Amino acid sequence: MLTVAVYDTKPYDREFLQKDTGATGIRWRFLDFRLMAETAFSAEGADAVCVFVHDQLDRRCLEALAKQKVKLVVLRCAGFNNVDLAAARELKIAVTRAADYSPYAVAEHAVALLLTLNRKIHRAYNRVRDQNFALTGLVGFDLHGKTAGILGTGKIGQITAGILKGFGMRILAFDLFPQTGWASENGVEYVDIDVLARESDVLSLHLPLTPKTKFIIHRGTLELMKPGAILINVSRGKLVDTAALIEALKSGRLGGVALDVYEEEEEVFYEDLSGMVLQDDELARLLMFPNVLVTAHQAFLTHEALSDISRVTVRNIMALAEGRPFVEGTVL
């Protein structure tokens, strides 16, 4: 039986991992703190560690894990920018991820944010609970006939494009690796990133975080955007330069911003900070704008996605136990 240390766990992680029927050969050790170099000692006796988006597996952390004979790092997420892959290869620690959990969960959340922000649903909800039934300040715009820009056309970007196409929107896209067949079949036009920024009424981000994509939305990009345009980010916080975003909001150029991720979210998201003074000045500033909507990295949070993540995580751990190849497409 393998012992797996599971870090940064929440009740839903425990529920879905423990009820997976394939996990009969796994002894779970659930930990509510994050894995980093300073906490790596807690993996002692574990064959594998299971981590999430805010765990920090840099070289120091991985070296500590290797000394404790940890053989596998299992990411229960698609992104892997928090793992030093070169160090992992050097130390002979395998790394797998949940690359194929429900893309519909994230795409649908992006559209939910767009509809909520555009039609001021969150503000209307709060008003009505205070018995304020006035409609002043709640005017939105029709999505039908407008242009949506999809920045990144992997599975999630493609599904988001399809949903917005269903609203009658014109779809533009940018990707370093264009999916021309998909675009041709679905009436999507690939353009360069400047054209995407200039022509989009709604710009939705669906990119991984890499050195090339960090701050892909910066001051120059924001200055190109249409007055009144809406920016949506459900991918990675560091795709957007927050300081530049705040300046664009202050100028009144943007119609709205909806974020499920944030540049410096690691110390804030997934924690209950109610009743405390928020120490992140830029996040506090963002939350003050009436045309900014923030959710705490919950786009993945559906029964289907959690089941997918659990299934792939368990299959990879059992592959280690049985000496089989890891699940196809998940080995980094």
C-alpha atoms as a PDB file:
ATOM      1  CA  MET A   1       0.000   0.000   0.000  1.00  0.00           C
ATOM      2  CA  LEU A   2       1.274   3.475  -0.921  1.00  0.00           C
ATOM      3  CA  THR A   3       1.183   6.442   1.434  1.00  0.00           C
ATOM      4  CA  VAL A   4       0.270   9.751  -0.198  1.00  0.00           C
ATOM      5  CA  ALA A   5       0.613  13.128   1.537  1.00  0.00           C
ATOM      6  CA  VAL A   6      -2.102  15.444   0.193  1.00  0.00           C
ATOM      7  CA  TYR A   7      -1.414  19.133   0.720  1.00  0.00           C
ATOM      8  CA  ASP A   8      -3.611  22.237   0.900  1.00  0.00           C
ATOM      9  CA  THR A   9      -6.686  20.041   1.215  1.00  0.00           C
ATOM     10  CA  LYS A  10     -10.250  21.226   1.583  1.00  0.00           C
ATOM     11  CA  PRO A  11     -13.346  19.136   2.445  1.00  0.00           C
ATOM     12  CA  TYR A  12     -14.201  18.563  -1.220  1.00  0.00           C
ATOM     13  CA  ASP A  13     -10.691  17.194  -1.920  1.00  0.00           C
ATOM     14  CA  ARG A  14     -11.027  14.647   0.886  1.00  0.00           C
ATOM     15  CA  GLU A  15     -14.535  13.682  -0.184  1.00  0.00           C
ATOM     16  CA  PHE A  16     -13.760  12.989  -3.839  1.00  0.00           C
ATOM     17  CA  LEU A  17     -10.380  11.307  -3.306  1.00  0.00           C
ATOM     18  CA  GLN A  18     -11.661   9.007  -0.561  1.00  0.00           C
ATOM     19  CA  LYS A  19     -14.741   7.891  -2.431  1.00  0.00           C
ATOM     20  CA  ASP A  20     -12.840   6.989  -5.609  1.00  0.00           C
ATOM     21  CA  THR A  21     -13.284   3.232  -5.967  1.00  0.00           C
ATOM     22  CA  GLY A  22      -9.824   2.808  -7.511  1.00  0.00           C
ATOM     23  CA  ALA A  23      -8.033   4.051  -4.393  1.00  0.00           C
ATOM     24  CA  THR A  24      -8.080   0.751  -2.473  1.00  0.00           C
ATOM     25  CA  GLY A  25      -4.275   0.594  -2.379  1.00  0.00           C
ATOM     26  CA  ILE A  26      -3.722   4.131  -1.111  1.00  0.00           C
ATOM     27  CA  ARG A  27      -3.262   5.378   2.428  1.00  0.00           C
ATOM     28  CA  TRP A  28      -4.155   9.079   2.407  1.00  0.00           C
ATOM     29  CA  ARG A  29      -2.496  11.597   4.708  1.00  0.00           C
ATOM     30  CA  PHE A  30      -4.500  14.815   4.381  1.00  0.00           C
ATOM     31  CA  LEU A  31      -2.758  18.083   5.347  1.00  0.00           C
ATOM     32  CA  ASP A  32      -4.405  21.494   5.331  1.00  0.00           C
ATOM     33  CA  PHE A  33      -1.190  23.500   4.842  1.00  0.00           C
ATOM     34  CA  ARG A  34       0.771  24.023   1.641  1.00  0.00           C
ATOM     35  CA  LEU A  35       3.837  22.166   0.479  1.00  0.00           C
ATOM     36  CA  MET A  36       7.000  24.246   0.147  1.00  0.00           C
ATOM     37  CA  ALA A  37      10.637  23.872   1.127  1.00  0.00           C
ATOM     38  CA  GLU A  38       9.860  24.819   4.736  1.00  0.00           C
ATOM     39  CA  THR A  39       7.112  22.190   5.098  1.00  0.00           C
ATOM     40  CA  ALA A  40       8.620  19.394   2.997  1.00  0.00           C
ATOM     41  CA  PHE A  41       9.661  17.537   6.168  1.00  0.00           C
ATOM     42  CA  SER A  42       5.992  16.587   6.591  1.00  0.00           C
ATOM     43  CA  ALA A  43       6.263  14.236   3.586  1.00  0.00           C
ATOM     44  CA  GLU A  44       8.400  11.804   5.587  1.00  0.00           C
ATOM     45  CA  GLY A  45       7.210   8.244   5.009  1.00  0.00           C
ATOM     46  CA  ALA A  46       5.157   9.172   1.927  1.00  0.00           C
ATOM     47  CA  ASP A  47       5.704   7.516  -1.448  1.00  0.00           C
ATOM     48  CA  ALA A  48       4.011  10.378  -3.279  1.00  0.00           C
ATOM     49  CA  VAL A  49       2.776  13.904  -2.642  1.00  0.00           C
ATOM     50  CA  CYS A  50      -0.449  15.326  -4.064  1.00  0.00           C
ATOM     51  CA  VAL A  51      -0.438  19.096  -4.518  1.00  0.00           C
ATOM     52  CA  PHE A  52      -2.517  21.982  -5.833  1.00  0.00           C
ATOM     53  CA  VAL A  53      -1.960  25.319  -7.574  1.00  0.00           C
ATOM     54  CA  HIS A  54      -0.444  27.251  -4.649  1.00  0.00           C
ATOM     55  CA  ASP A  55       2.012  24.645  -3.395  1.00  0.00           C
ATOM     56  CA  GLN A  56       5.571  25.680  -4.273  1.00  0.00           C
ATOM     57  CA  LEU A  57       7.739  22.822  -5.512  1.00  0.00           C
ATOM     58  CA  ASP A  58      10.971  24.647  -6.263  1.00  0.00           C
ATOM     59  CA  ARG A  59      14.387  22.988  -6.283  1.00  0.00           C
ATOM     60  CA  ARG A  60      14.805  23.232  -2.493  1.00  0.00           C
ATOM     61  CA  CYS A  61      11.450  21.591  -1.903  1.00  0.00           C
ATOM     62  CA  LEU A  62      12.077  18.838  -4.446  1.00  0.00           C
ATOM     63  CA  GLU A  63      15.526  18.118  -3.014  1.00  0.00           C
ATOM     64  CA  ALA A  64      13.940  17.689   0.416  1.00  0.00           C
ATOM     65  CA  LEU A  65      11.337  15.337  -1.061  1.00  0.00           C
ATOM     66  CA  ALA A  66      14.013  13.313  -2.843  1.00  0.00           C
ATOM     67  CA  LYS A  67      15.924  12.839   0.413  1.00  0.00           C
ATOM     68  CA  GLN A  68      12.733  11.376   1.877  1.00  0.00           C
ATOM     69  CA  LYS A  69      12.468   9.002  -1.108  1.00  0.00           C
ATOM     70  CA  VAL A  70       9.280  10.556  -2.525  1.00  0.00           C
ATOM     71  CA  LYS A  71       8.907   9.121  -6.020  1.00  0.00           C
ATOM     72  CA  LEU A  72       5.934  11.007  -7.446  1.00  0.00           C
ATOM     73  CA  VAL A  73       4.405  14.483  -7.436  1.00  0.00           C
ATOM     74  CA  VAL A  74       0.731  14.390  -8.424  1.00  0.00           C
ATOM     75  CA  LEU A  75      -0.821  17.717  -9.359  1.00  0.00           C
ATOM     76  CA  ARG A  76      -4.584  17.782  -8.922  1.00  0.00           C
ATOM     77  CA  CYS A  77      -4.808  20.644 -11.427  1.00  0.00           C
ATOM     78  CA  ALA A  78      -3.851  21.300 -15.046  1.00  0.00           C
ATOM     79  CA  GLY A  79      -1.299  24.071 -14.474  1.00  0.00           C
ATOM     80  CA  PHE A  80       2.244  23.170 -13.466  1.00  0.00           C
ATOM     81  CA  ASN A  81       4.082  26.509 -13.344  1.00  0.00           C
ATOM     82  CA  ASN A  82       4.624  25.977  -9.592  1.00  0.00           C
ATOM     83  CA  VAL A  83       6.895  22.951 -10.155  1.00  0.00           C
ATOM     84  CA  ASP A  84      10.579  23.106 -11.154  1.00  0.00           C
ATOM     85  CA  LEU A  85      10.355  20.403 -13.806  1.00  0.00           C
ATOM     86  CA  ALA A  86      14.081  20.457 -14.608  1.00  0.00           C
ATOM     87  CA  ALA A  87      14.915  19.808 -10.961  1.00  0.00           C
ATOM     88  CA  ALA A  88      12.291  17.052 -10.760  1.00  0.00           C
ATOM     89  CA  ARG A  89      13.798  15.279 -13.781  1.00  0.00           C
ATOM     90  CA  GLU A  90      17.297  15.623 -12.338  1.00  0.00           C
ATOM     91  CA  LEU A  91      16.135  14.174  -9.009  1.00  0.00           C
ATOM     92  CA  LYS A  92      14.185  11.385 -10.759  1.00  0.00           C
ATOM     93  CA  ILE A  93      10.845  12.438  -9.262  1.00  0.00           C
ATOM     94  CA  ALA A  94       7.973  11.816 -11.667  1.00  0.00           C
ATOM     95  CA  VAL A  95       5.417  14.610 -12.077  1.00  0.00           C
ATOM     96  CA  THR A  96       1.861  14.108 -13.316  1.00  0.00           C
ATOM     97  CA  ARG A  97      -1.099  16.439 -13.606  1.00  0.00           C
ATOM     98  CA  ALA A  98      -4.857  16.366 -14.109  1.00  0.00           C
ATOM     99  CA  ALA A  99      -4.742  17.730 -17.616  1.00  0.00           C
ATOM    100  CA  ASP A 100      -8.166  16.646 -18.815  1.00  0.00           C
ATOM    101  CA  TYR A 101     -10.676  17.515 -16.111  1.00  0.00           C
ATOM    102  CA  SER A 102     -13.936  19.004 -17.338  1.00  0.00           C
ATOM    103  CA  PRO A 103     -13.124  21.974 -19.578  1.00  0.00           C
ATOM    104  CA  TYR A 104     -16.822  22.819 -19.497  1.00  0.00           C
ATOM    105  CA  ALA A 105     -16.554  23.774 -15.829  1.00  0.00           C
ATOM    106  CA  VAL A 106     -14.045  26.543 -16.521  1.00  0.00           C
ATOM    107  CA  ALA A 107     -15.621  27.720 -19.776  1.00  0.00           C
ATOM    108  CA  GLU A 108     -19.087  27.938 -18.233  1.00  0.00           C
ATOM    109  CA  HIS A 109     -17.708  29.877 -15.260  1.00  0.00           C
ATOM    110  CA  ALA A 110     -16.104  32.377 -17.633  1.00  0.00           C
ATOM    111  CA  VAL A 111     -19.460  32.964 -19.305  1.00  0.00           C
ATOM    112  CA  ALA A 112     -21.229  33.127 -15.931  1.00  0.00           C
ATOM    113  CA  LEU A 113     -18.825  35.875 -14.871  1.00  0.00           C
ATOM    114  CA  LEU A 114     -19.437  37.724 -18.125  1.00  0.00           C
ATOM    115  CA  LEU A 115     -23.227  37.607 -17.799  1.00  0.00           C
ATOM    116  CA  THR A 116     -23.139  38.554 -14.119  1.00  0.00           C
ATOM    117  CA  LEU A 117     -20.821  41.492 -14.687  1.00  0.00           C
ATOM    118  CA  ASN A 118     -22.474  42.790 -17.840  1.00  0.00           C
ATOM    119  CA  ARG A 119     -26.058  42.635 -16.530  1.00  0.00           C
ATOM    120  CA  LYS A 120     -25.058  43.699 -12.978  1.00  0.00           C
ATOM    121  CA  ILE A 121     -26.661  40.579 -11.480  1.00  0.00           C
ATOM    122  CA  HIS A 122     -24.489  40.708  -8.355  1.00  0.00           C
ATOM    123  CA  ARG A 123     -25.437  44.325  -7.682  1.00  0.00           C
ATOM    124  CA  ALA A 124     -29.127  43.671  -8.379  1.00  0.00           C
ATOM    125  CA  TYR A 125     -29.085  40.685  -5.994  1.00  0.00           C
ATOM    126  CA  ASN A 126     -27.682  42.804  -3.171  1.00  0.00           C
ATOM    127  CA  ARG A 127     -30.155  45.621  -3.822  1.00  0.00           C
ATOM    128  CA  VAL A 128     -33.211  43.396  -3.763  1.00  0.00           C
ATOM    129  CA  ARG A 129     -32.141  41.808  -0.484  1.00  0.00           C
ATOM    130  CA  ASP A 130     -32.203  45.357   0.934  1.00  0.00           C
ATOM    131  CA  GLN A 131     -35.660  45.863  -0.625  1.00  0.00           C
ATOM    132  CA  ASN A 132     -34.192  48.303  -3.138  1.00  0.00           C
ATOM    133  CA  PHE A 133     -35.940  47.576  -6.426  1.00  0.00           C
ATOM    134  CA  ALA A 134     -34.584  50.557  -8.400  1.00  0.00           C
ATOM    135  CA  LEU A 135     -32.954  49.816 -11.755  1.00  0.00           C
ATOM    136  CA  THR A 136     -30.696  52.861 -11.984  1.00  0.00           C
ATOM    137  CA  GLY A 137     -27.112  51.870 -12.729  1.00  0.00           C
ATOM    138  CA  LEU A 138     -27.948  48.340 -13.852  1.00  0.00           C
ATOM    139  CA  VAL A 139     -27.857  48.864 -17.627  1.00  0.00           C
ATOM    140  CA  GLY A 140     -25.854  46.275 -19.576  1.00  0.00           C
ATOM    141  CA  PHE A 141     -25.508  45.523 -23.284  1.00  0.00           C
ATOM    142  CA  ASP A 142     -26.663  42.766 -25.646  1.00  0.00           C
ATOM    143  CA  LEU A 143     -23.988  40.174 -26.365  1.00  0.00           C
ATOM    144  CA  HIS A 144     -25.718  39.345 -29.646  1.00  0.00           C
ATOM    145  CA  GLY A 145     -23.931  41.037 -32.521  1.00  0.00           C
ATOM    146  CA  LYS A 146     -20.868  41.949 -30.450  1.00  0.00           C
ATOM    147  CA  THR A 147     -17.322  40.616 -30.871  1.00  0.00           C
ATOM    148  CA  ALA A 148     -15.699  38.179 -28.451  1.00  0.00           C
ATOM    149  CA  GLY A 149     -11.942  37.724 -28.411  1.00  0.00           C
ATOM    150  CA  ILE A 150     -10.628  34.348 -27.259  1.00  0.00           C
ATOM    151  CA  LEU A 151      -6.991  34.513 -26.186  1.00  0.00           C
ATOM    152  CA  GLY A 152      -5.906  30.873 -26.211  1.00  0.00           C
ATOM    153  CA  THR A 153      -7.821  28.197 -28.095  1.00  0.00           C
ATOM    154  CA  GLY A 154      -7.175  24.983 -26.229  1.00  0.00           C
ATOM    155  CA  LYS A 155     -10.154  22.934 -25.050  1.00  0.00           C
ATOM    156  CA  ILE A 156     -11.442  25.580 -22.628  1.00  0.00           C
ATOM    157  CA  GLY A 157     -11.003  28.427 -25.097  1.00  0.00           C
ATOM    158  CA  GLN A 158     -12.787  26.471 -27.810  1.00  0.00           C
ATOM    159  CA  ILE A 159     -15.729  25.646 -25.554  1.00  0.00           C
ATOM    160  CA  THR A 160     -15.994  29.265 -24.394  1.00  0.00           C
ATOM    161  CA  ALA A 161     -15.978  30.368 -28.027  1.00  0.00           C
ATOM    162  CA  GLY A 162     -18.772  27.909 -28.808  1.00  0.00           C
ATOM    163  CA  ILE A 163     -20.944  29.172 -25.963  1.00  0.00           C
ATOM    164  CA  LEU A 164     -20.446  32.804 -26.979  1.00  0.00           C
ATOM    165  CA  LYS A 165     -21.099  31.892 -30.606  1.00  0.00           C
ATOM    166  CA  GLY A 166     -24.455  30.604 -29.383  1.00  0.00           C
ATOM    167  CA  PHE A 167     -25.258  34.115 -28.147  1.00  0.00           C
ATOM    168  CA  GLY A 168     -24.779  35.355 -31.698  1.00  0.00           C
ATOM    169  CA  MET A 169     -21.347  36.877 -31.129  1.00  0.00           C
ATOM    170  CA  ARG A 170     -18.603  37.214 -33.726  1.00  0.00           C
ATOM    171  CA  ILE A 171     -15.577  35.217 -32.532  1.00  0.00           C
ATOM    172  CA  LEU A 172     -11.969  36.320 -33.003  1.00  0.00           C
ATOM    173  CA  ALA A 173      -9.050  34.340 -31.606  1.00  0.00           C
ATOM    174  CA  PHE A 174      -5.322  34.388 -31.039  1.00  0.00           C
ATOM    175  CA  ASP A 175      -3.062  31.446 -30.247  1.00  0.00           C
ATOM    176  CA  LEU A 176       0.597  30.711 -30.898  1.00  0.00           C
ATOM    177  CA  PHE A 177      -0.589  27.358 -32.259  1.00  0.00           C
ATOM    178  CA  PRO A 178      -3.808  28.086 -34.200  1.00  0.00           C
ATOM    179  CA  GLN A 179      -6.385  25.312 -34.522  1.00  0.00           C
ATOM    180  CA  THR A 180      -7.238  26.172 -38.113  1.00  0.00           C
ATOM    181  CA  GLY A 181      -9.523  23.201 -38.736  1.00  0.00           C
ATOM    182  CA  TRP A 182     -11.638  23.996 -35.681  1.00  0.00           C
ATOM    183  CA  ALA A 183     -11.714  27.687 -36.616  1.00  0.00           C
ATOM    184  CA  SER A 184     -12.858  26.971 -40.162  1.00  0.00           C
ATOM    185  CA  GLU A 185     -15.616  24.627 -39.011  1.00  0.00           C
ATOM    186  CA  ASN A 186     -16.913  27.061 -36.392  1.00  0.00           C
ATOM    187  CA  GLY A 187     -16.624  30.424 -38.121  1.00  0.00           C
ATOM    188  CA  VAL A 188     -13.775  31.650 -35.916  1.00  0.00           C
ATOM    189  CA  GLU A 189     -11.212  34.091 -37.302  1.00  0.00           C
ATOM    190  CA  TYR A 190      -7.620  34.069 -36.065  1.00  0.00           C
ATOM    191  CA  VAL A 191      -6.040  37.524 -35.836  1.00  0.00           C
ATOM    192  CA  ASP A 192      -2.935  38.955 -34.202  1.00  0.00           C
ATOM    193  CA  ILE A 193      -3.138  39.984 -30.573  1.00  0.00           C
ATOM    194  CA  ASP A 194      -3.334  43.736 -31.271  1.00  0.00           C
ATOM    195  CA  VAL A 195      -6.326  43.272 -33.574  1.00  0.00           C
ATOM    196  CA  LEU A 196      -7.906  41.005 -30.962  1.00  0.00           C
ATOM    197  CA  ALA A 197      -7.557  43.712 -28.307  1.00  0.00           C
ATOM    198  CA  ARG A 198      -8.821  46.505 -30.586  1.00  0.00           C
ATOM    199  CA  GLU A 199     -11.907  44.743 -31.941  1.00  0.00           C
ATOM    200  CA  SER A 200     -13.182  42.717 -28.976  1.00  0.00           C
ATOM    201  CA  ASP A 201     -16.128  43.878 -26.887  1.00  0.00           C
ATOM    202  CA  VAL A 202     -15.337  40.939 -24.606  1.00  0.00           C
ATOM    203  CA  LEU A 203     -11.792  39.584 -24.226  1.00  0.00           C
ATOM    204  CA  SER A 204     -11.517  36.201 -22.468  1.00  0.00           C
ATOM    205  CA  LEU A 205      -8.192  34.652 -21.439  1.00  0.00           C
ATOM    206  CA  HIS A 206      -7.572  30.901 -21.740  1.00  0.00           C
ATOM    207  CA  LEU A 207      -3.800  30.499 -21.666  1.00  0.00           C
ATOM    208  CA  PRO A 208      -1.331  28.623 -19.474  1.00  0.00           C
ATOM    209  CA  LEU A 209       1.234  30.689 -17.577  1.00  0.00           C
ATOM    210  CA  THR A 210       4.645  30.496 -19.261  1.00  0.00           C
ATOM    211  CA  PRO A 211       7.506  32.988 -19.623  1.00  0.00           C
ATOM    212  CA  LYS A 212       5.984  34.001 -22.975  1.00  0.00           C
ATOM    213  CA  THR A 213       2.474  34.557 -21.612  1.00  0.00           C
ATOM    214  CA  LYS A 214       3.306  36.319 -18.326  1.00  0.00           C
ATOM    215  CA  PHE A 215       1.713  39.804 -18.422  1.00  0.00           C
ATOM    216  CA  ILE A 216       0.396  39.190 -21.936  1.00  0.00           C
ATOM    217  CA  ILE A 217      -2.234  41.724 -20.880  1.00  0.00           C
ATOM    218  CA  HIS A 218      -0.178  44.822 -20.086  1.00  0.00           C
ATOM    219  CA  ARG A 219      -0.506  48.589 -20.358  1.00  0.00           C
ATOM    220  CA  GLY A 220      -0.109  48.566 -24.139  1.00  0.00           C
ATOM    221  CA  THR A 221      -2.738  45.868 -24.611  1.00  0.00           C
ATOM    222  CA  LEU A 222      -5.201  47.634 -22.321  1.00  0.00           C
ATOM    223  CA  GLU A 223      -4.722  50.922 -24.182  1.00  0.00           C
ATOM    224  CA  LEU A 224      -5.710  49.166 -27.413  1.00  0.00           C
ATOM    225  CA  MET A 225      -8.973  47.827 -26.019  1.00  0.00           C
ATOM    226  CA  LYS A 226     -12.304  49.362 -26.948  1.00  0.00           C
ATOM    227  CA  PRO A 227     -13.776  51.827 -24.480  1.00  0.00           C
ATOM    228  CA  GLY A 228     -16.329  49.883 -22.460  1.00  0.00           C
ATOM    229  CA  ALA A 229     -14.863  46.455 -23.242  1.00  0.00           C
ATOM    230  CA  ILE A 230     -14.985  43.639 -20.677  1.00  0.00           C
ATOM    231  CA  LEU A 231     -11.931  41.569 -19.715  1.00  0.00           C
ATOM    232  CA  ILE A 232     -12.385  38.025 -18.337  1.00  0.00           C
ATOM    233  CA  ASN A 233      -9.584  35.930 -16.796  1.00  0.00           C
ATOM    234  CA  VAL A 234     -10.218  32.375 -15.578  1.00  0.00           C
ATOM    235  CA  SER A 235      -6.751  31.039 -16.376  1.00  0.00           C
ATOM    236  CA  ARG A 236      -3.760  32.335 -14.390  1.00  0.00           C
ATOM    237  CA  GLY A 237      -3.447  35.588 -12.493  1.00  0.00           C
ATOM    238  CA  LYS A 238      -0.028  36.535 -13.824  1.00  0.00           C
ATOM    239  CA  LEU A 239      -1.366  36.744 -17.384  1.00  0.00           C
ATOM    240  CA  VAL A 240      -2.511  40.245 -16.379  1.00  0.00           C
ATOM    241  CA  ASP A 241      -0.356  43.102 -15.066  1.00  0.00           C
ATOM    242  CA  THR A 242      -2.490  44.166 -12.105  1.00  0.00           C
ATOM    243  CA  ALA A 243      -0.958  47.646 -11.749  1.00  0.00           C
ATOM    244  CA  ALA A 244      -1.707  48.384 -15.398  1.00  0.00           C
ATOM    245  CA  LEU A 245      -5.206  46.972 -15.001  1.00  0.00           C
ATOM    246  CA  ILE A 246      -5.924  49.301 -12.076  1.00  0.00           C
ATOM    247  CA  GLU A 247      -4.761  52.287 -14.115  1.00  0.00           C
ATOM    248  CA  ALA A 248      -7.067  51.257 -16.981  1.00  0.00           C
ATOM    249  CA  LEU A 249      -9.984  50.966 -14.554  1.00  0.00           C
ATOM    250  CA  LYS A 250      -9.224  54.345 -12.983  1.00  0.00           C
ATOM    251  CA  SER A 251      -9.226  55.994 -16.407  1.00  0.00           C
ATOM    252  CA  GLY A 252     -12.713  54.631 -17.057  1.00  0.00           C
ATOM    253  CA  ARG A 253     -11.616  52.943 -20.274  1.00  0.00           C
ATOM    254  CA  LEU A 254     -12.721  49.432 -19.363  1.00  0.00           C
ATOM    255  CA  GLY A 255     -16.379  48.586 -19.033  1.00  0.00           C
ATOM    256  CA  GLY A 256     -15.647  45.825 -16.560  1.00  0.00           C
ATOM    257  CA  VAL A 257     -13.237  43.167 -15.377  1.00  0.00           C
ATOM    258  CA  ALA A 258     -14.114  39.682 -14.106  1.00  0.00           C
ATOM    259  CA  LEU A 259     -11.354  37.651 -12.462  1.00  0.00           C
ATOM    260  CA  ASP A 260     -11.372  34.117 -11.124  1.00  0.00           C
ATOM    261  CA  VAL A 261      -7.607  34.371 -10.693  1.00  0.00           C
ATOM    262  CA  TYR A 262      -5.326  37.119  -9.431  1.00  0.00           C
ATOM    263  CA  GLU A 263      -1.634  37.927  -9.832  1.00  0.00           C
ATOM    264  CA  GLU A 264      -0.754  37.463  -6.137  1.00  0.00           C
ATOM    265  CA  GLU A 265      -3.561  35.152  -5.059  1.00  0.00           C
ATOM    266  CA  GLU A 266      -1.420  32.602  -3.192  1.00  0.00           C
ATOM    267  CA  GLU A 267      -1.769  34.190   0.243  1.00  0.00           C
ATOM    268  CA  VAL A 268      -5.439  35.078  -0.149  1.00  0.00           C
ATOM    269  CA  PHE A 269      -7.500  32.672  -2.248  1.00  0.00           C
ATOM    270  CA  TYR A 270      -8.954  29.561  -0.570  1.00  0.00           C
ATOM    271  CA  GLU A 271      -8.678  31.192   2.854  1.00  0.00           C
ATOM    272  CA  ASP A 272     -11.399  32.740   5.041  1.00  0.00           C
ATOM    273  CA  LEU A 273     -10.126  36.250   5.773  1.00  0.00           C
ATOM    274  CA  SER A 274     -13.461  37.707   6.829  1.00  0.00           C
ATOM    275  CA  GLY A 275     -13.066  40.061   9.757  1.00  0.00           C
ATOM    276  CA  MET A 276      -9.414  40.693   8.905  1.00  0.00           C
ATOM    277  CA  VAL A 277      -7.717  43.635   7.204  1.00  0.00           C
ATOM    278  CA  LEU A 278      -6.739  42.641   3.674  1.00  0.00           C
ATOM    279  CA  GLN A 279      -2.987  43.171   3.389  1.00  0.00           C
ATOM    280  CA  ASP A 280      -2.822  43.046  -0.419  1.00  0.00           C
ATOM    281  CA  ASP A 281      -3.274  46.683  -1.462  1.00  0.00           C
ATOM    282  CA  GLU A 282      -3.804  45.958  -5.160  1.00  0.00           C
ATOM    283  CA  LEU A 283      -6.491  43.350  -4.525  1.00  0.00           C
ATOM    284  CA  ALA A 284      -8.171  45.674  -2.019  1.00  0.00           C
ATOM    285  CA  ARG A 285      -8.127  48.382  -4.691  1.00  0.00           C
ATOM    286  CA  LEU A 286      -9.647  46.084  -7.299  1.00  0.00           C
ATOM    287  CA  LEU A 287     -12.463  45.097  -4.962  1.00  0.00           C
ATOM    288  CA  MET A 288     -13.419  48.762  -4.570  1.00  0.00           C
ATOM    289  CA  PHE A 289     -14.302  49.236  -8.257  1.00  0.00           C
ATOM    290  CA  PRO A 290     -18.020  48.792  -8.954  1.00  0.00           C
ATOM    291  CA  ASN A 291     -17.251  47.242 -12.354  1.00  0.00           C
ATOM    292  CA  VAL A 292     -14.903  44.546 -11.041  1.00  0.00           C
ATOM    293  CA  LEU A 293     -16.138  41.055 -10.163  1.00  0.00           C
ATOM    294  CA  VAL A 294     -13.805  38.607  -8.394  1.00  0.00           C
ATOM    295  CA  THR A 295     -14.279  34.946  -7.541  1.00  0.00           C
ATOM    296  CA  ALA A 296     -11.593  32.990  -5.667  1.00  0.00           C
ATOM    297  CA  HIS A 297     -10.270  30.546  -8.291  1.00  0.00           C
ATOM    298  CA  GLN A 298     -13.422  28.429  -8.292  1.00  0.00           C
ATOM    299  CA  ALA A 299     -13.962  27.919 -12.022  1.00  0.00           C
ATOM    300  CA  PHE A 300     -12.974  24.242 -11.700  1.00  0.00           C
ATOM    301  CA  LEU A 301     -15.370  23.601  -8.822  1.00  0.00           C
ATOM    302  CA  THR A 302     -18.034  21.274 -10.248  1.00  0.00           C
ATOM    303  CA  HIS A 303     -18.897  17.674  -9.383  1.00  0.00           C
ATOM    304  CA  GLU A 304     -17.764  16.585 -12.830  1.00  0.00           C
ATOM    305  CA  ALA A 305     -14.389  18.335 -12.671  1.00  0.00           C
ATOM    306  CA  LEU A 306     -13.656  17.133  -9.130  1.00  0.00           C
ATOM    307  CA  SER A 307     -14.536  13.576 -10.158  1.00  0.00           C
ATOM    308  CA  ASP A 308     -12.225  13.828 -13.183  1.00  0.00           C
ATOM    309  CA  ILE A 309      -9.376  15.201 -11.058  1.00  0.00           C
ATOM    310  CA  SER A 310      -9.822  12.456  -8.469  1.00  0.00           C
ATOM    311  CA  ARG A 311      -9.941   9.707 -11.085  1.00  0.00           C
ATOM    312  CA  VAL A 312      -6.762  10.799 -12.895  1.00  0.00           C
ATOM    313  CA  THR A 313      -4.938  11.434  -9.599  1.00  0.00           C
ATOM    314  CA  VAL A 314      -5.790   7.979  -8.260  1.00  0.00           C
ATOM    315  CA  ARG A 315      -4.925   6.235 -11.539  1.00  0.00           C
ATOM    316  CA  ASN A 316      -1.476   7.823 -11.578  1.00  0.00           C
ATOM    317  CA  ILE A 317      -0.792   6.900  -7.955  1.00  0.00           C
ATOM    318  CA  MET A 318      -1.899   3.304  -8.576  1.00  0.00           C
ATOM    319  CA  ALA A 319       0.310   3.203 -11.689  1.00  0.00           C
ATOM    320  CA  LEU A 320       3.269   3.986  -9.430  1.00  0.00           C
ATOM    321  CA  ALA A 321       2.218   1.252  -7.001  1.00  0.00           C
ATOM    322  CA  GLU A 322       1.845  -1.344  -9.747  1.00  0.00           C
ATOM    323  CA  GLY A 323       4.834  -0.310 -11.857  1.00  0.00           C
ATOM    324  CA  ARG A 324       2.635   0.621 -14.824  1.00  0.00           C
ATOM    325  CA  PRO A 325       2.972   3.638 -17.155  1.00  0.00           C
ATOM    326  CA  PHE A 326       1.230   6.761 -15.917  1.00  0.00           C
ATOM    327  CA  VAL A 327      -2.038   7.913 -17.480  1.00  0.00           C
ATOM    328  CA  GLU A 328      -1.425   9.002 -21.052  1.00  0.00           C
ATOM    329  CA  GLY A 329      -1.007  12.752 -21.512  1.00  0.00           C
ATOM    330  CA  THR A 330      -0.325  13.548 -17.874  1.00  0.00           C
ATOM    331  CA  VAL A 331       3.395  12.894 -17.523  1.00  0.00           C
ATOM    332  CA  LEU A 332       5.553  16.047 -17.470  1.00  0.00           C
END
